[in-house]
Amino acid sequence: MQLRQGTWIAVVSWIGLGGGLSVVAPPGFATSEVVQVAQNKPGNPQTTGATAEAVVNQGLQYIQQGKLNDAIAAFRRAAQLDPRMAAAHYNLGLALRQQGQLQPAASAFYQATQANPRFALAYANLGAALLEGSNVAQARDYLKRAIDLDPKLGLAHYNLGLALEQQRAYDQAAIAFKKAMQLSPTAPEPSYHLGLVYLQQRKDAEALAAFQQALRVNPKYAEAHYNIGSMLFKQGKLDEALNAFRRAADANSNYANSYYAAGLVFMKQGKFKDAQVVLKYAKDLYAKQGNTQWASKADQSLQKATIGQN
């Protein structure tokens, strides 16, 4: 049975200019309400600097209007007008990452750290972009730098945990996820990934408790329901496993794993007709989502269910 190892990367929202720089964190992840970004503008601040600020704010207006390409052009223009304006580089990084341009986004976040070496959020997002691009070692270094600058930045601890989890440094990953849980108690992701770490360490009781904590924060967390179901399935508790897989499907009707797993339960119970229904649905979902490997596995199980019925 496939264990979902999905990675959720936290990204901080846009910052505008004028007074302080207001920062909005992702749901559940707390951060400072205001971040001061040193400008140190070259040239005449009444001309070059003011123009760069205006262009940044224009870019933010484009973001609100859904004009991502125009926003990227604006942020790039602002960075050209004032290369030491961290906000321009930072917002450019967010916009590029939203388009899936991970390498250019990482470069923009790096420029933001060069413009303001104490910009913890820029380091955190640089680490997140590198992590999403599978550059785990570098991501880990920048995330640690973000934490050094702002030890209460929950998303940095969380992303560091993801990096450590990928490096199979499970003890350290667990510490990072627990810290993220303390700092961001309304975010379910740290608890969920702590559960995955415990599974790797064969600490089933602790894993179950972590998944249950994720569900207390977000009862619609499909992956948490699914992993609880997988644990119950391995323990031979088929009815309880099936209920968990149903809850996963209720939480996310496009979560193919839940239907596939339910099909395996039905086969174990000798309910081959029911198994065929959910396995076919899982197969079609996997195919629609471009997951040919698991579409093939679902098809193989579907054939076994058909033979079993006959």
Protein backbone atom coordinates (compact mmCIF):
# COMPACT_ATOMS: atom_id res chain seq x y z
CA MET A 1 0.00 0.00 0.00
CA GLN A 2 1.38 3.39 -0.98
CA LEU A 3 2.21 5.81 1.82
CA ARG A 4 1.65 9.38 0.76
CA GLN A 5 4.85 11.41 1.23
CA GLY A 6 3.50 14.71 -0.05
CA THR A 7 5.56 17.78 0.73
CA TRP A 8 3.91 21.03 1.63
CA ILE A 9 6.20 24.07 1.29
CA ALA A 10 5.26 27.19 3.20
CA VAL A 11 5.47 30.47 1.35
CA VAL A 12 5.03 33.88 2.88
CA SER A 13 2.78 36.39 1.16
CA TRP A 14 3.63 39.68 -0.47
CA ILE A 15 5.17 42.70 1.22
CA GLY A 16 4.35 46.29 0.36
CA LEU A 17 6.21 49.53 0.99
CA GLY A 18 5.26 52.54 3.03
CA GLY A 19 5.95 52.68 6.75
CA GLY A 20 6.63 49.07 7.75
CA LEU A 21 6.52 46.09 5.48
CA SER A 22 3.38 44.12 6.26
CA VAL A 23 3.89 40.37 6.05
CA VAL A 24 1.13 37.78 5.89
CA ALA A 25 1.99 34.16 6.67
CA PRO A 26 0.28 31.07 5.25
CA PRO A 27 -2.75 29.82 7.23
CA GLY A 28 -1.57 28.41 10.54
CA PHE A 29 1.98 29.66 10.29
CA ALA A 30 2.68 32.61 12.55
CA THR A 31 5.35 35.18 11.84
CA SER A 32 6.14 38.76 12.77
CA GLU A 33 3.36 41.19 11.85
CA VAL A 34 5.81 43.78 10.58
CA VAL A 35 9.24 43.27 9.06
CA GLN A 36 11.53 46.23 8.56
CA VAL A 37 13.56 45.89 5.37
CA ALA A 38 16.60 48.12 5.15
CA GLN A 39 16.48 50.15 1.97
CA ASN A 40 19.87 51.94 1.90
CA LYS A 41 18.88 53.41 -1.44
CA PRO A 42 21.63 54.50 -3.80
CA GLY A 43 21.29 57.83 -5.50
CA ASN A 44 18.63 60.39 -4.71
CA PRO A 45 15.90 58.81 -2.52
CA GLN A 46 13.42 61.38 -3.84
CA THR A 47 13.83 60.05 -7.36
CA THR A 48 15.24 56.55 -7.79
CA GLY A 49 14.07 55.15 -4.43
CA ALA A 50 10.60 56.65 -4.58
CA THR A 51 10.12 55.38 -8.12
CA ALA A 52 11.19 51.87 -7.14
CA GLU A 53 8.74 51.88 -4.24
CA ALA A 54 5.95 53.00 -6.55
CA VAL A 55 6.78 50.23 -9.01
CA VAL A 56 6.76 47.61 -6.23
CA ASN A 57 3.34 48.75 -5.08
CA GLN A 58 2.14 48.70 -8.69
CA GLY A 59 3.35 45.11 -8.86
CA LEU A 60 1.29 44.29 -5.77
CA GLN A 61 -1.77 45.77 -7.44
CA TYR A 62 -1.15 43.49 -10.41
CA ILE A 63 -1.01 40.52 -8.02
CA GLN A 64 -4.40 41.48 -6.60
CA GLN A 65 -5.76 41.69 -10.14
CA GLY A 66 -4.36 38.26 -11.03
CA LYS A 67 -1.91 39.71 -13.56
CA LEU A 68 1.11 37.66 -12.56
CA ASN A 69 3.23 38.38 -15.64
CA ASP A 70 2.73 42.13 -15.22
CA ALA A 71 3.63 41.83 -11.55
CA ILE A 72 6.85 39.99 -12.37
CA ALA A 73 7.79 42.69 -14.87
CA ALA A 74 7.07 45.38 -12.27
CA PHE A 75 9.13 43.73 -9.55
CA ARG A 76 12.02 43.23 -11.97
CA ARG A 77 11.81 46.90 -12.93
CA ALA A 78 11.84 47.94 -9.27
CA ALA A 79 14.89 45.76 -8.63
CA GLN A 80 16.67 47.40 -11.55
CA LEU A 81 15.81 50.88 -10.28
CA ASP A 82 16.99 50.06 -6.78
CA PRO A 83 19.09 46.87 -6.60
CA ARG A 84 19.30 47.20 -2.80
CA MET A 85 15.56 47.18 -2.24
CA ALA A 86 14.99 43.78 -0.62
CA ALA A 87 11.21 43.96 -1.05
CA ALA A 88 11.51 44.11 -4.84
CA HIS A 89 13.65 40.97 -5.01
CA TYR A 90 11.53 39.19 -2.40
CA ASN A 91 8.21 39.82 -4.14
CA LEU A 92 9.78 38.87 -7.46
CA GLY A 93 10.80 35.56 -5.89
CA LEU A 94 7.26 34.89 -4.68
CA ALA A 95 5.79 35.69 -8.09
CA LEU A 96 8.28 33.51 -9.94
CA ARG A 97 7.72 30.63 -7.55
CA GLN A 98 3.98 30.96 -8.09
CA GLN A 99 4.68 30.34 -11.78
CA GLY A 100 6.76 27.30 -10.90
CA GLN A 101 10.04 28.96 -11.91
CA LEU A 102 12.01 27.58 -8.98
CA GLN A 103 15.56 28.49 -10.04
CA PRO A 104 14.76 32.14 -10.91
CA ALA A 105 12.71 32.37 -7.70
CA ALA A 106 15.63 31.10 -5.65
CA SER A 107 17.90 33.63 -7.34
CA ALA A 108 15.49 36.45 -6.48
CA PHE A 109 15.24 35.36 -2.84
CA TYR A 110 19.04 35.19 -2.72
CA GLN A 111 19.24 38.77 -4.01
CA ALA A 112 16.82 39.78 -1.25
CA THR A 113 19.18 38.29 1.35
CA GLN A 114 22.07 40.20 -0.20
CA ALA A 115 20.10 43.44 -0.06
CA ASN A 116 19.19 42.81 3.57
CA PRO A 117 21.32 40.11 5.25
CA ARG A 118 18.93 40.03 8.24
CA PHE A 119 15.78 39.35 6.21
CA ALA A 120 14.75 36.05 7.81
CA LEU A 121 11.71 35.56 5.58
CA ALA A 122 13.85 35.81 2.46
CA TYR A 123 16.16 33.07 3.79
CA ALA A 124 13.14 30.94 4.69
CA ASN A 125 11.64 31.25 1.22
CA LEU A 126 15.02 30.73 -0.43
CA GLY A 127 15.31 27.50 1.53
CA ALA A 128 11.75 26.52 0.57
CA ALA A 129 12.39 27.12 -3.14
CA LEU A 130 15.62 25.12 -3.04
CA LEU A 131 13.88 22.32 -1.15
CA GLU A 132 11.09 22.17 -3.72
CA GLY A 133 13.77 22.01 -6.39
CA SER A 134 15.39 19.04 -4.59
CA ASN A 135 18.48 21.01 -3.56
CA VAL A 136 18.12 19.72 -0.03
CA ALA A 137 21.60 20.41 1.37
CA GLN A 138 21.60 24.09 0.41
CA ALA A 139 17.99 24.46 1.52
CA ARG A 140 18.94 23.16 4.95
CA ASP A 141 21.71 25.75 5.31
CA TYR A 142 19.48 28.70 4.41
CA LEU A 143 16.64 27.50 6.62
CA LYS A 144 19.02 27.28 9.56
CA ARG A 145 20.09 30.85 8.79
CA ALA A 146 16.45 31.96 8.83
CA ILE A 147 15.99 30.33 12.23
CA ASP A 148 19.15 31.98 13.56
CA LEU A 149 17.71 35.35 12.55
CA ASP A 150 14.17 34.63 13.76
CA PRO A 151 13.91 31.60 16.09
CA LYS A 152 10.12 32.02 16.23
CA LEU A 153 9.60 31.62 12.48
CA GLY A 154 7.47 28.48 12.48
CA LEU A 155 7.52 27.92 8.72
CA ALA A 156 11.33 27.87 8.75
CA HIS A 157 11.36 25.13 11.40
CA TYR A 158 8.76 23.23 9.39
CA ASN A 159 10.67 23.45 6.12
CA LEU A 160 13.88 22.51 7.92
CA GLY A 161 12.05 19.44 9.17
CA LEU A 162 11.10 18.58 5.58
CA ALA A 163 14.74 18.87 4.51
CA LEU A 164 15.91 16.69 7.39
CA GLU A 165 13.14 14.17 6.67
CA GLN A 166 14.34 13.88 3.07
CA GLN A 167 17.89 13.37 4.31
CA ARG A 168 16.60 10.64 6.63
CA ALA A 169 17.86 12.53 9.68
CA TYR A 170 14.71 11.49 11.45
CA ASP A 171 15.62 12.42 15.03
CA GLN A 172 16.53 15.96 13.98
CA ALA A 173 13.47 16.18 11.72
CA ALA A 174 11.22 15.25 14.64
CA ILE A 175 12.74 18.04 16.73
CA ALA A 176 12.14 20.57 13.94
CA PHE A 177 8.52 19.48 13.43
CA LYS A 178 7.81 19.63 17.17
CA LYS A 179 9.20 23.16 17.28
CA ALA A 180 7.03 24.12 14.30
CA MET A 181 4.02 22.68 16.13
CA GLN A 182 4.75 24.86 19.15
CA LEU A 183 5.19 28.01 17.08
CA SER A 184 2.34 27.33 14.63
CA PRO A 185 -0.28 25.37 16.59
CA THR A 186 -3.01 25.95 13.99
CA ALA A 187 -0.99 24.42 11.13
CA PRO A 188 -1.65 20.66 10.66
CA GLU A 189 1.34 19.94 8.41
CA PRO A 190 4.06 19.71 11.11
CA SER A 191 2.03 17.12 13.04
CA TYR A 192 1.39 15.13 9.88
CA HIS A 193 5.05 15.03 8.88
CA LEU A 194 6.03 14.19 12.43
CA GLY A 195 3.77 11.17 12.02
CA LEU A 196 5.57 10.19 8.81
CA VAL A 197 8.90 10.46 10.63
CA TYR A 198 7.64 8.23 13.42
CA LEU A 199 6.48 5.68 10.85
CA GLN A 200 10.00 5.57 9.44
CA GLN A 201 11.28 4.99 12.97
CA ARG A 202 8.70 2.22 13.52
CA LYS A 203 7.12 4.18 16.36
CA ASP A 204 3.54 3.34 15.47
CA ALA A 205 1.89 4.64 18.65
CA GLU A 206 3.63 8.00 18.32
CA ALA A 207 2.81 8.14 14.60
CA LEU A 208 -0.88 7.55 15.29
CA ALA A 209 -0.91 10.28 17.93
CA ALA A 210 0.75 12.71 15.51
CA PHE A 211 -1.75 11.99 12.72
CA GLN A 212 -4.61 12.39 15.18
CA GLN A 213 -3.18 15.75 16.24
CA ALA A 214 -3.09 16.86 12.60
CA LEU A 215 -6.76 15.90 12.32
CA ARG A 216 -7.66 17.85 15.44
CA VAL A 217 -6.25 20.91 13.71
CA ASN A 218 -7.78 20.05 10.32
CA PRO A 219 -10.41 17.28 10.31
CA LYS A 220 -10.35 17.36 6.49
CA TYR A 221 -6.69 16.36 6.22
CA ALA A 222 -7.07 13.49 3.74
CA GLU A 223 -3.47 12.27 3.97
CA ALA A 224 -3.69 11.95 7.75
CA HIS A 225 -6.86 9.87 7.49
CA TYR A 226 -5.20 7.75 4.83
CA ASN A 227 -2.08 7.01 6.87
CA ILE A 228 -4.18 6.07 9.89
CA GLY A 229 -6.09 3.72 7.61
CA SER A 230 -2.85 2.22 6.32
CA MET A 231 -1.72 1.50 9.88
CA LEU A 232 -5.05 -0.13 10.73
CA PHE A 233 -4.90 -2.18 7.51
CA LYS A 234 -1.51 -3.59 8.46
CA GLN A 235 -2.90 -4.47 11.88
CA GLY A 236 -5.73 -6.43 10.27
CA LYS A 237 -8.40 -4.01 11.53
CA LEU A 238 -10.19 -3.95 8.20
CA ASP A 239 -13.47 -2.27 9.15
CA GLU A 240 -11.66 0.53 10.97
CA ALA A 241 -9.22 0.92 8.08
CA LEU A 242 -12.09 1.15 5.61
CA ASN A 243 -13.72 3.89 7.68
CA ALA A 244 -10.45 5.84 7.70
CA PHE A 245 -10.13 5.53 3.91
CA ARG A 246 -13.72 6.68 3.50
CA ARG A 247 -12.97 9.75 5.61
CA ALA A 248 -9.94 10.44 3.42
CA ALA A 249 -12.13 10.28 0.32
CA ASP A 250 -14.75 12.50 1.95
CA ALA A 251 -12.04 15.04 2.75
CA ASN A 252 -10.68 15.00 -0.81
CA SER A 253 -12.74 13.31 -3.49
CA ASN A 254 -9.76 13.40 -5.88
CA TYR A 255 -7.44 11.54 -3.50
CA ALA A 256 -6.92 8.37 -5.51
CA ASN A 257 -4.96 6.57 -2.79
CA SER A 258 -8.04 6.39 -0.58
CA TYR A 259 -10.08 4.54 -3.22
CA TYR A 260 -7.22 2.21 -4.07
CA ALA A 261 -6.71 1.34 -0.41
CA ALA A 262 -10.44 0.81 0.09
CA GLY A 263 -10.34 -1.64 -2.81
CA LEU A 264 -7.61 -3.64 -1.09
CA VAL A 265 -9.74 -3.79 2.07
CA PHE A 266 -12.75 -5.05 0.12
CA MET A 267 -10.59 -7.74 -1.50
CA LYS A 268 -9.37 -8.88 1.93
CA GLN A 269 -13.01 -9.07 3.03
CA GLY A 270 -13.99 -11.06 -0.05
CA LYS A 271 -16.23 -8.25 -1.31
CA PHE A 272 -14.92 -8.39 -4.86
CA LYS A 273 -17.77 -6.50 -6.50
CA ASP A 274 -17.26 -3.53 -4.17
CA ALA A 275 -13.52 -3.79 -4.75
CA GLN A 276 -14.00 -3.55 -8.51
CA VAL A 277 -16.02 -0.35 -8.20
CA VAL A 278 -13.48 1.57 -6.11
CA LEU A 279 -10.42 0.14 -7.87
CA LYS A 280 -11.76 1.21 -11.25
CA TYR A 281 -12.44 4.66 -9.82
CA ALA A 282 -8.90 4.78 -8.41
CA LYS A 283 -7.43 3.65 -11.73
CA ASP A 284 -9.29 6.36 -13.63
CA LEU A 285 -8.25 9.03 -11.11
CA TYR A 286 -4.59 8.00 -11.27
CA ALA A 287 -4.71 8.10 -15.07
CA LYS A 288 -6.39 11.50 -15.09
CA GLN A 289 -3.71 12.82 -12.73
CA GLY A 290 -0.91 11.46 -14.92
CA ASN A 291 0.20 8.85 -12.37
CA THR A 292 0.69 5.97 -14.79
CA GLN A 293 2.60 3.79 -12.32
CA TRP A 294 -0.25 3.67 -9.83
CA ALA A 295 -2.87 3.51 -12.57
CA SER A 296 -1.16 0.29 -13.63
CA LYS A 297 -1.10 -1.03 -10.05
CA ALA A 298 -4.80 -0.24 -9.63
CA ASP A 299 -5.53 -2.04 -12.92
CA GLN A 300 -3.63 -5.12 -11.73
CA SER A 301 -5.62 -5.16 -8.50
CA LEU A 302 -8.82 -4.64 -10.47
CA GLN A 303 -8.05 -7.71 -12.56
CA LYS A 304 -7.45 -9.75 -9.38
CA ALA A 305 -10.79 -8.57 -7.99
CA THR A 306 -12.53 -9.60 -11.22
CA ILE A 307 -10.94 -13.04 -11.07
CA GLY A 308 -11.86 -13.33 -7.39
CA GLN A 309 -15.51 -12.65 -8.12
CA ASN A 310 -15.56 -15.27 -10.82
